[in-house]
């Protein structure tokens, strides 16, 4: 059984087959992005307001929020990104949206 653990590239503990969190979360992916089409601008703005409130609940340092609204024949496209100070906050934010 230990041979399987030794062949794994992740840092694992032989006693419990656990993976070190630093192996999975290396703090390189701190941005969550959203791209969605709404019937009108007010719906898109309401979604951005809701997402911003959720990001503010998670952040330890101010989250950088970038957003654009684009008018299309299908409606208004909200394209936004939320960049947190660490990957854990990004993950918590994304899981909170499910």
PDB file of N, CA and C in Angstrom:
ATOM      1  N   UNK A   1       0.814  -1.188   0.000  1.00  0.00           N
ATOM      2  CA  UNK A   1       0.000   0.000   0.000  1.00  0.00           C
ATOM      3  C   UNK A   1       0.863   1.258   0.000  1.00  0.00           C
ATOM      4  N   UNK A   2       1.984   1.255   0.657  1.00  0.00           N
ATOM      5  CA  UNK A   2       2.820   2.445   0.680  1.00  0.00           C
ATOM      6  C   UNK A   2       3.429   2.733  -0.676  1.00  0.00           C
ATOM      7  N   UNK A   3       3.572   1.737  -1.559  1.00  0.00           N
ATOM      8  CA  UNK A   3       4.103   1.988  -2.897  1.00  0.00           C
ATOM      9  C   UNK A   3       3.190   2.931  -3.670  1.00  0.00           C
ATOM     10  N   UNK A   4       1.879   2.766  -3.529  1.00  0.00           N
ATOM     11  CA  UNK A   4       0.935   3.640  -4.219  1.00  0.00           C
ATOM     12  C   UNK A   4       1.066   5.078  -3.727  1.00  0.00           C
ATOM     13  N   UNK A   5       1.293   5.229  -2.455  1.00  0.00           N
ATOM     14  CA  UNK A   5       1.442   6.573  -1.901  1.00  0.00           C
ATOM     15  C   UNK A   5       2.728   7.201  -2.405  1.00  0.00           C
ATOM     16  N   UNK A   6       3.797   6.452  -2.455  1.00  0.00           N
ATOM     17  CA  UNK A   6       5.077   6.985  -2.886  1.00  0.00           C
ATOM     18  C   UNK A   6       5.071   7.405  -4.349  1.00  0.00           C
ATOM     19  N   UNK A   7       4.257   6.778  -5.178  1.00  0.00           N
ATOM     20  CA  UNK A   7       4.193   7.132  -6.589  1.00  0.00           C
ATOM     21  C   UNK A   7       3.359   8.389  -6.833  1.00  0.00           C
ATOM     22  N   UNK A   8       2.573   8.786  -5.883  1.00  0.00           N
ATOM     23  CA  UNK A   8       1.727   9.970  -6.029  1.00  0.00           C
ATOM     24  C   UNK A   8       2.588  11.220  -5.931  1.00  0.00           C
ATOM     25  N   UNK A   9       2.282  12.215  -6.766  1.00  0.00           N
ATOM     26  CA  UNK A   9       3.057  13.446  -6.728  1.00  0.00           C
ATOM     27  C   UNK A   9       2.620  14.362  -5.589  1.00  0.00           C
ATOM     28  N   UNK A  10       1.450  14.130  -5.028  1.00  0.00           N
ATOM     29  CA  UNK A  10       0.965  14.949  -3.918  1.00  0.00           C
ATOM     30  C   UNK A  10       1.667  14.563  -2.629  1.00  0.00           C
ATOM     31  N   UNK A  11       1.768  15.503  -1.722  1.00  0.00           N
ATOM     32  CA  UNK A  11       2.344  15.213  -0.410  1.00  0.00           C
ATOM     33  C   UNK A  11       1.281  14.537   0.425  1.00  0.00           C
ATOM     34  N   UNK A  12       1.465  13.240   0.679  1.00  0.00           N
ATOM     35  CA  UNK A  12       0.478  12.482   1.426  1.00  0.00           C
ATOM     36  C   UNK A  12       1.086  11.928   2.700  1.00  0.00           C
ATOM     37  N   UNK A  13       0.237  11.672   3.663  1.00  0.00           N
ATOM     38  CA  UNK A  13       0.651  11.039   4.894  1.00  0.00           C
ATOM     39  C   UNK A  13       0.272   9.577   4.808  1.00  0.00           C
ATOM     40  N   UNK A  14       1.256   8.697   4.998  1.00  0.00           N
ATOM     41  CA  UNK A  14       1.019   7.257   4.849  1.00  0.00           C
ATOM     42  C   UNK A  14      -0.017   6.744   5.836  1.00  0.00           C
ATOM     43  N   UNK A  15      -0.129   7.363   6.994  1.00  0.00           N
ATOM     44  CA  UNK A  15      -1.036   6.873   8.028  1.00  0.00           C
ATOM     45  C   UNK A  15      -2.505   7.037   7.655  1.00  0.00           C
ATOM     46  N   UNK A  16      -2.846   8.088   6.955  1.00  0.00           N
ATOM     47  CA  UNK A  16      -4.273   8.323   6.692  1.00  0.00           C
ATOM     48  C   UNK A  16      -4.586   8.597   5.221  1.00  0.00           C
ATOM     49  N   UNK A  17      -3.589   8.559   4.354  1.00  0.00           N
ATOM     50  CA  UNK A  17      -3.777   8.845   2.929  1.00  0.00           C
ATOM     51  C   UNK A  17      -4.377  10.235   2.712  1.00  0.00           C
ATOM     52  N   UNK A  18      -3.953  11.181   3.501  1.00  0.00           N
ATOM     53  CA  UNK A  18      -4.433  12.559   3.391  1.00  0.00           C
ATOM     54  C   UNK A  18      -3.501  13.354   2.486  1.00  0.00           C
ATOM     55  N   UNK A  19      -4.052  14.312   1.796  1.00  0.00           N
ATOM     56  CA  UNK A  19      -3.255  15.182   0.940  1.00  0.00           C
ATOM     57  C   UNK A  19      -3.070  16.509   1.660  1.00  0.00           C
ATOM     58  N   UNK A  20      -1.860  17.017   1.668  1.00  0.00           N
ATOM     59  CA  UNK A  20      -1.572  18.310   2.261  1.00  0.00           C
ATOM     60  C   UNK A  20      -2.348  19.391   1.517  1.00  0.00           C
ATOM     61  N   UNK A  21      -3.014  20.270   2.230  1.00  0.00           N
ATOM     62  CA  UNK A  21      -3.823  21.321   1.608  1.00  0.00           C
ATOM     63  C   UNK A  21      -2.966  22.180   0.680  1.00  0.00           C
ATOM     64  N   UNK A  22      -1.714  22.410   1.016  1.00  0.00           N
ATOM     65  CA  UNK A  22      -0.826  23.205   0.179  1.00  0.00           C
ATOM     66  C   UNK A  22      -0.588  22.593  -1.181  1.00  0.00           C
ATOM     67  N   UNK A  23      -0.818  21.296  -1.315  1.00  0.00           N
ATOM     68  CA  UNK A  23      -0.672  20.635  -2.605  1.00  0.00           C
ATOM     69  C   UNK A  23      -1.828  20.988  -3.520  1.00  0.00           C
ATOM     70  N   UNK A  24      -3.009  21.146  -2.962  1.00  0.00           N
ATOM     71  CA  UNK A  24      -4.208  21.430  -3.740  1.00  0.00           C
ATOM     72  C   UNK A  24      -4.402  22.935  -3.911  1.00  0.00           C
ATOM     73  N   UNK A  25      -4.201  23.676  -2.850  1.00  0.00           N
ATOM     74  CA  UNK A  25      -4.400  25.125  -2.865  1.00  0.00           C
ATOM     75  C   UNK A  25      -3.031  25.799  -2.727  1.00  0.00           C
ATOM     76  N   UNK A  26      -2.489  26.225  -3.844  1.00  0.00           N
ATOM     77  CA  UNK A  26      -1.156  26.823  -3.825  1.00  0.00           C
ATOM     78  C   UNK A  26      -1.190  28.339  -3.946  1.00  0.00           C
ATOM     79  N   UNK A  27      -2.365  28.932  -3.804  1.00  0.00           N
ATOM     80  CA  UNK A  27      -2.569  30.381  -3.815  1.00  0.00           C
ATOM     81  C   UNK A  27      -2.277  31.026  -5.171  1.00  0.00           C
ATOM     82  N   UNK A  28      -2.406  30.242  -6.250  1.00  0.00           N
ATOM     83  CA  UNK A  28      -2.189  30.814  -7.581  1.00  0.00           C
ATOM     84  C   UNK A  28      -3.498  31.201  -8.263  1.00  0.00           C
ATOM     85  N   UNK A  29      -4.620  30.662  -7.820  1.00  0.00           N
ATOM     86  CA  UNK A  29      -5.911  30.946  -8.453  1.00  0.00           C
ATOM     87  C   UNK A  29      -6.786  31.712  -7.469  1.00  0.00           C
ATOM     88  N   UNK A  30      -6.668  33.023  -7.458  1.00  0.00           N
ATOM     89  CA  UNK A  30      -7.388  33.855  -6.495  1.00  0.00           C
ATOM     90  C   UNK A  30      -8.542  34.630  -7.122  1.00  0.00           C
ATOM     91  N   UNK A  31      -8.883  34.315  -8.376  1.00  0.00           N
ATOM     92  CA  UNK A  31      -9.928  35.059  -9.081  1.00  0.00           C
ATOM     93  C   UNK A  31     -11.091  34.147  -9.456  1.00  0.00           C
ATOM     94  N   UNK A  32     -12.294  34.617  -9.168  1.00  0.00           N
ATOM     95  CA  UNK A  32     -13.523  33.949  -9.593  1.00  0.00           C
ATOM     96  C   UNK A  32     -14.166  34.852 -10.642  1.00  0.00           C
ATOM     97  N   UNK A  33     -14.599  34.266 -11.742  1.00  0.00           N
ATOM     98  CA  UNK A  33     -15.179  35.053 -12.838  1.00  0.00           C
ATOM     99  C   UNK A  33     -16.620  34.625 -13.103  1.00  0.00           C
ATOM    100  N   UNK A  34     -17.393  35.572 -13.608  1.00  0.00           N
ATOM    101  CA  UNK A  34     -18.788  35.323 -13.942  1.00  0.00           C
ATOM    102  C   UNK A  34     -19.098  35.998 -15.272  1.00  0.00           C
ATOM    103  N   UNK A  35     -19.805  35.296 -16.133  1.00  0.00           N
ATOM    104  CA  UNK A  35     -20.238  35.845 -17.409  1.00  0.00           C
ATOM    105  C   UNK A  35     -21.633  35.316 -17.650  1.00  0.00           C
ATOM    106  N   UNK A  36     -22.618  36.225 -17.640  1.00  0.00           N
ATOM    107  CA  UNK A  36     -24.007  35.788 -17.758  1.00  0.00           C
ATOM    108  C   UNK A  36     -24.834  36.852 -18.466  1.00  0.00           C
ATOM    109  N   UNK A  37     -25.829  36.405 -19.224  1.00  0.00           N
ATOM    110  CA  UNK A  37     -26.716  37.309 -19.955  1.00  0.00           C
ATOM    111  C   UNK A  37     -28.040  37.462 -19.210  1.00  0.00           C
ATOM    112  N   UNK A  38     -28.494  38.709 -19.094  1.00  0.00           N
ATOM    113  CA  UNK A  38     -29.750  39.028 -18.413  1.00  0.00           C
ATOM    114  C   UNK A  38     -30.690  39.720 -19.386  1.00  0.00           C
ATOM    115  N   UNK A  39     -31.964  39.703 -19.074  1.00  0.00           N
ATOM    116  CA  UNK A  39     -32.969  40.318 -19.942  1.00  0.00           C
ATOM    117  C   UNK A  39     -32.786  41.829 -20.032  1.00  0.00           C
ATOM    118  N   UNK A  40     -32.354  42.452 -18.921  1.00  0.00           N
ATOM    119  CA  UNK A  40     -32.167  43.908 -18.919  1.00  0.00           C
ATOM    120  C   UNK A  40     -31.052  44.294 -17.956  1.00  0.00           C
ATOM    121  N   UNK A  41     -30.679  45.554 -18.006  1.00  0.00           N
ATOM    122  CA  UNK A  41     -29.558  46.036 -17.189  1.00  0.00           C
ATOM    123  C   UNK A  41     -29.869  45.995 -15.695  1.00  0.00           C
ATOM    124  N   UNK A  42     -31.093  46.269 -15.317  1.00  0.00           N
ATOM    125  CA  UNK A  42     -31.418  46.264 -13.889  1.00  0.00           C
ATOM    126  C   UNK A  42     -31.236  44.878 -13.275  1.00  0.00           C
ATOM    127  N   UNK A  43     -31.574  43.826 -14.022  1.00  0.00           N
ATOM    128  CA  UNK A  43     -31.348  42.459 -13.533  1.00  0.00           C
ATOM    129  C   UNK A  43     -29.852  42.170 -13.406  1.00  0.00           C
ATOM    130  N   UNK A  44     -29.073  42.627 -14.379  1.00  0.00           N
ATOM    131  CA  UNK A  44     -27.625  42.428 -14.347  1.00  0.00           C
ATOM    132  C   UNK A  44     -27.012  43.181 -13.168  1.00  0.00           C
ATOM    133  N   UNK A  45     -27.458  44.408 -12.932  1.00  0.00           N
ATOM    134  CA  UNK A  45     -26.949  45.195 -11.811  1.00  0.00           C
ATOM    135  C   UNK A  45     -27.328  44.570 -10.470  1.00  0.00           C
ATOM    136  N   UNK A  46     -28.530  44.011 -10.392  1.00  0.00           N
ATOM    137  CA  UNK A  46     -28.963  43.337  -9.160  1.00  0.00           C
ATOM    138  C   UNK A  46     -28.074  42.123  -8.873  1.00  0.00           C
ATOM    139  N   UNK A  47     -27.718  41.393  -9.918  1.00  0.00           N
ATOM    140  CA  UNK A  47     -26.835  40.240  -9.729  1.00  0.00           C
ATOM    141  C   UNK A  47     -25.455  40.687  -9.264  1.00  0.00           C
ATOM    142  N   UNK A  48     -24.929  41.737  -9.873  1.00  0.00           N
ATOM    143  CA  UNK A  48     -23.622  42.243  -9.458  1.00  0.00           C
ATOM    144  C   UNK A  48     -23.663  42.702  -7.995  1.00  0.00           C
ATOM    145  N   UNK A  49     -24.729  43.346  -7.600  1.00  0.00           N
ATOM    146  CA  UNK A  49     -24.882  43.781  -6.209  1.00  0.00           C
ATOM    147  C   UNK A  49     -24.893  42.583  -5.265  1.00  0.00           C
ATOM    148  N   UNK A  50     -25.609  41.545  -5.647  1.00  0.00           N
ATOM    149  CA  UNK A  50     -25.685  40.339  -4.831  1.00  0.00           C
ATOM    150  C   UNK A  50     -24.313  39.651  -4.729  1.00  0.00           C
ATOM    151  N   UNK A  51     -23.627  39.509  -5.858  1.00  0.00           N
ATOM    152  CA  UNK A  51     -22.306  38.882  -5.859  1.00  0.00           C
ATOM    153  C   UNK A  51     -21.302  39.696  -5.053  1.00  0.00           C
ATOM    154  N   UNK A  52     -21.384  41.012  -5.164  1.00  0.00           N
ATOM    155  CA  UNK A  52     -20.488  41.891  -4.414  1.00  0.00           C
ATOM    156  C   UNK A  52     -20.709  41.732  -2.913  1.00  0.00           C
ATOM    157  N   UNK A  53     -21.943  41.650  -2.493  1.00  0.00           N
ATOM    158  CA  UNK A  53     -22.249  41.462  -1.069  1.00  0.00           C
ATOM    159  C   UNK A  53     -21.675  40.143  -0.569  1.00  0.00           C
ATOM    160  N   UNK A  54     -21.801  39.090  -1.371  1.00  0.00           N
ATOM    161  CA  UNK A  54     -21.251  37.784  -0.978  1.00  0.00           C
ATOM    162  C   UNK A  54     -19.729  37.831  -0.903  1.00  0.00           C
ATOM    163  N   UNK A  55     -19.105  38.540  -1.835  1.00  0.00           N
ATOM    164  CA  UNK A  55     -17.643  38.669  -1.813  1.00  0.00           C
ATOM    165  C   UNK A  55     -17.196  39.429  -0.573  1.00  0.00           C
ATOM    166  N   UNK A  56     -17.925  40.467  -0.205  1.00  0.00           N
ATOM    167  CA  UNK A  56     -17.576  41.266   0.974  1.00  0.00           C
ATOM    168  C   UNK A  56     -17.691  40.452   2.262  1.00  0.00           C
ATOM    169  N   UNK A  57     -18.589  39.467   2.289  1.00  0.00           N
ATOM    170  CA  UNK A  57     -18.731  38.602   3.457  1.00  0.00           C
ATOM    171  C   UNK A  57     -17.520  37.683   3.620  1.00  0.00           C
ATOM    172  N   UNK A  58     -16.864  37.352   2.526  1.00  0.00           N
ATOM    173  CA  UNK A  58     -15.766  36.380   2.526  1.00  0.00           C
ATOM    174  C   UNK A  58     -14.405  37.037   2.689  1.00  0.00           C
ATOM    175  N   UNK A  59     -14.238  38.214   2.137  1.00  0.00           N
ATOM    176  CA  UNK A  59     -12.910  38.827   2.054  1.00  0.00           C
ATOM    177  C   UNK A  59     -12.298  39.127   3.422  1.00  0.00           C
ATOM    178  N   UNK A  60     -10.964  38.969   3.492  1.00  0.00           N
ATOM    179  CA  UNK A  60     -10.232  39.410   4.681  1.00  0.00           C
ATOM    180  C   UNK A  60      -9.589  40.758   4.369  1.00  0.00           C
ATOM    181  N   UNK A  61      -9.079  40.898   3.162  1.00  0.00           N
ATOM    182  CA  UNK A  61      -8.607  42.165   2.619  1.00  0.00           C
ATOM    183  C   UNK A  61      -9.569  42.523   1.499  1.00  0.00           C
ATOM    184  N   UNK A  62      -9.648  43.790   1.120  1.00  0.00           N
ATOM    185  CA  UNK A  62     -10.601  44.171   0.069  1.00  0.00           C
ATOM    186  C   UNK A  62     -10.429  43.348  -1.219  1.00  0.00           C
ATOM    187  N   UNK A  63     -11.527  42.810  -1.668  1.00  0.00           N
ATOM    188  CA  UNK A  63     -11.575  42.035  -2.910  1.00  0.00           C
ATOM    189  C   UNK A  63     -11.625  43.022  -4.083  1.00  0.00           C
ATOM    190  N   UNK A  64     -10.802  42.783  -5.095  1.00  0.00           N
ATOM    191  CA  UNK A  64     -10.829  43.627  -6.299  1.00  0.00           C
ATOM    192  C   UNK A  64     -11.939  43.125  -7.211  1.00  0.00           C
ATOM    193  N   UNK A  65     -12.873  43.996  -7.521  1.00  0.00           N
ATOM    194  CA  UNK A  65     -14.020  43.616  -8.349  1.00  0.00           C
ATOM    195  C   UNK A  65     -13.992  44.427  -9.635  1.00  0.00           C
ATOM    196  N   UNK A  66     -13.969  43.724 -10.753  1.00  0.00           N
ATOM    197  CA  UNK A  66     -14.025  44.358 -12.068  1.00  0.00           C
ATOM    198  C   UNK A  66     -15.285  43.875 -12.758  1.00  0.00           C
ATOM    199  N   UNK A  67     -16.027  44.801 -13.363  1.00  0.00           N
ATOM    200  CA  UNK A  67     -17.253  44.394 -14.044  1.00  0.00           C
ATOM    201  C   UNK A  67     -17.516  45.259 -15.264  1.00  0.00           C
ATOM    202  N   UNK A  68     -18.165  44.650 -16.243  1.00  0.00           N
ATOM    203  CA  UNK A  68     -18.614  45.379 -17.427  1.00  0.00           C
ATOM    204  C   UNK A  68     -20.003  44.888 -17.793  1.00  0.00           C
ATOM    205  N   UNK A  69     -20.773  45.791 -18.351  1.00  0.00           N
ATOM    206  CA  UNK A  69     -22.098  45.471 -18.878  1.00  0.00           C
ATOM    207  C   UNK A  69     -22.049  45.724 -20.379  1.00  0.00           C
ATOM    208  N   UNK A  70     -22.483  44.741 -21.158  1.00  0.00           N
ATOM    209  CA  UNK A  70     -22.469  44.874 -22.609  1.00  0.00           C
ATOM    210  C   UNK A  70     -23.868  44.609 -23.155  1.00  0.00           C
ATOM    211  N   UNK A  71     -24.379  45.571 -23.904  1.00  0.00           N
ATOM    212  CA  UNK A  71     -25.688  45.414 -24.545  1.00  0.00           C
ATOM    213  C   UNK A  71     -25.544  44.513 -25.771  1.00  0.00           C
ATOM    214  N   UNK A  72     -26.374  43.483 -25.870  1.00  0.00           N
ATOM    215  CA  UNK A  72     -26.378  42.588 -27.027  1.00  0.00           C
ATOM    216  C   UNK A  72     -27.823  42.382 -27.457  1.00  0.00           C
ATOM    217  N   UNK A  73     -28.039  41.811 -28.635  1.00  0.00           N
ATOM    218  CA  UNK A  73     -29.420  41.532 -29.056  1.00  0.00           C
ATOM    219  C   UNK A  73     -30.140  40.559 -28.114  1.00  0.00           C
ATOM    220  N   UNK A  74     -29.367  39.717 -27.416  1.00  0.00           N
ATOM    221  CA  UNK A  74     -29.961  38.740 -26.489  1.00  0.00           C
ATOM    222  C   UNK A  74     -30.285  39.340 -25.130  1.00  0.00           C
ATOM    223  N   UNK A  75     -29.693  40.486 -24.817  1.00  0.00           N
ATOM    224  CA  UNK A  75     -29.901  41.115 -23.516  1.00  0.00           C
ATOM    225  C   UNK A  75     -28.631  41.819 -23.059  1.00  0.00           C
ATOM    226  N   UNK A  76     -28.464  41.942 -21.761  1.00  0.00           N
ATOM    227  CA  UNK A  76     -27.288  42.603 -21.188  1.00  0.00           C
ATOM    228  C   UNK A  76     -26.362  41.538 -20.603  1.00  0.00           C
ATOM    229  N   UNK A  77     -25.107  41.553 -21.050  1.00  0.00           N
ATOM    230  CA  UNK A  77     -24.122  40.592 -20.561  1.00  0.00           C
ATOM    231  C   UNK A  77     -23.353  41.226 -19.411  1.00  0.00           C
ATOM    232  N   UNK A  78     -23.371  40.540 -18.275  1.00  0.00           N
ATOM    233  CA  UNK A  78     -22.566  40.942 -17.124  1.00  0.00           C
ATOM    234  C   UNK A  78     -21.308  40.082 -17.147  1.00  0.00           C
ATOM    235  N   UNK A  79     -20.175  40.731 -17.226  1.00  0.00           N
ATOM    236  CA  UNK A  79     -18.888  40.050 -17.180  1.00  0.00           C
ATOM    237  C   UNK A  79     -18.152  40.629 -15.983  1.00  0.00           C
ATOM    238  N   UNK A  80     -17.901  39.807 -14.952  1.00  0.00           N
ATOM    239  CA  UNK A  80     -17.264  40.330 -13.756  1.00  0.00           C
ATOM    240  C   UNK A  80     -16.254  39.341 -13.193  1.00  0.00           C
ATOM    241  N   UNK A  81     -15.310  39.881 -12.451  1.00  0.00           N
ATOM    242  CA  UNK A  81     -14.317  39.041 -11.784  1.00  0.00           C
ATOM    243  C   UNK A  81     -14.085  39.562 -10.378  1.00  0.00           C
ATOM    244  N   UNK A  82     -13.797  38.643  -9.495  1.00  0.00           N
ATOM    245  CA  UNK A  82     -13.567  38.930  -8.084  1.00  0.00           C
ATOM    246  C   UNK A  82     -12.208  38.355  -7.727  1.00  0.00           C
ATOM    247  N   UNK A  83     -11.254  39.213  -7.413  1.00  0.00           N
ATOM    248  CA  UNK A  83      -9.914  38.758  -7.074  1.00  0.00           C
ATOM    249  C   UNK A  83      -9.704  38.940  -5.573  1.00  0.00           C
ATOM    250  N   UNK A  84      -9.546  37.805  -4.905  1.00  0.00           N
ATOM    251  CA  UNK A  84      -9.383  37.784  -3.456  1.00  0.00           C
ATOM    252  C   UNK A  84      -7.904  37.757  -3.089  1.00  0.00           C
ATOM    253  N   UNK A  85      -7.607  37.985  -1.819  1.00  0.00           N
ATOM    254  CA  UNK A  85      -6.215  38.015  -1.367  1.00  0.00           C
ATOM    255  C   UNK A  85      -5.621  36.614  -1.239  1.00  0.00           C
ATOM    256  N   UNK A  86      -6.473  35.585  -1.188  1.00  0.00           N
ATOM    257  CA  UNK A  86      -5.954  34.215  -1.124  1.00  0.00           C
ATOM    258  C   UNK A  86      -6.946  33.258  -1.782  1.00  0.00           C
ATOM    259  N   UNK A  87      -6.436  32.111  -2.161  1.00  0.00           N
ATOM    260  CA  UNK A  87      -7.234  31.122  -2.886  1.00  0.00           C
ATOM    261  C   UNK A  87      -8.339  30.537  -2.009  1.00  0.00           C
ATOM    262  N   UNK A  88      -8.126  30.446  -0.711  1.00  0.00           N
ATOM    263  CA  UNK A  88      -9.151  29.908   0.178  1.00  0.00           C
ATOM    264  C   UNK A  88     -10.411  30.769   0.126  1.00  0.00           C
ATOM    265  N   UNK A  89     -10.237  32.086   0.102  1.00  0.00           N
ATOM    266  CA  UNK A  89     -11.396  32.978   0.019  1.00  0.00           C
ATOM    267  C   UNK A  89     -12.122  32.805  -1.311  1.00  0.00           C
ATOM    268  N   UNK A  90     -11.369  32.616  -2.384  1.00  0.00           N
ATOM    269  CA  UNK A  90     -11.975  32.388  -3.685  1.00  0.00           C
ATOM    270  C   UNK A  90     -12.826  31.131  -3.667  1.00  0.00           C
ATOM    271  N   UNK A  91     -12.301  30.084  -3.087  1.00  0.00           N
ATOM    272  CA  UNK A  91     -13.008  28.816  -3.002  1.00  0.00           C
ATOM    273  C   UNK A  91     -14.270  28.943  -2.130  1.00  0.00           C
ATOM    274  N   UNK A  92     -14.165  29.628  -1.003  1.00  0.00           N
ATOM    275  CA  UNK A  92     -15.317  29.839  -0.129  1.00  0.00           C
ATOM    276  C   UNK A  92     -16.399  30.635  -0.870  1.00  0.00           C
ATOM    277  N   UNK A  93     -15.996  31.656  -1.591  1.00  0.00           N
ATOM    278  CA  UNK A  93     -16.933  32.470  -2.374  1.00  0.00           C
ATOM    279  C   UNK A  93     -17.646  31.603  -3.411  1.00  0.00           C
ATOM    280  N   UNK A  94     -16.890  30.812  -4.165  1.00  0.00           N
ATOM    281  CA  UNK A  94     -17.472  29.974  -5.206  1.00  0.00           C
ATOM    282  C   UNK A  94     -18.412  28.921  -4.621  1.00  0.00           C
ATOM    283  N   UNK A  95     -18.020  28.309  -3.519  1.00  0.00           N
ATOM    284  CA  UNK A  95     -18.891  27.308  -2.890  1.00  0.00           C
ATOM    285  C   UNK A  95     -20.157  27.938  -2.334  1.00  0.00           C
ATOM    286  N   UNK A  96     -20.063  29.176  -1.878  1.00  0.00           N
ATOM    287  CA  UNK A  96     -21.235  29.879  -1.358  1.00  0.00           C
ATOM    288  C   UNK A  96     -22.265  30.208  -2.423  1.00  0.00           C
ATOM    289  N   UNK A  97     -21.854  30.172  -3.675  1.00  0.00           N
ATOM    290  CA  UNK A  97     -22.783  30.463  -4.773  1.00  0.00           C
ATOM    291  C   UNK A  97     -23.568  29.239  -5.222  1.00  0.00           C
ATOM    292  N   UNK A  98     -23.182  28.093  -4.743  1.00  0.00           N
ATOM    293  CA  UNK A  98     -23.861  26.849  -5.166  1.00  0.00           C
ATOM    294  C   UNK A  98     -25.116  26.599  -4.401  1.00  0.00           C
TER     295      UNK A  98
END
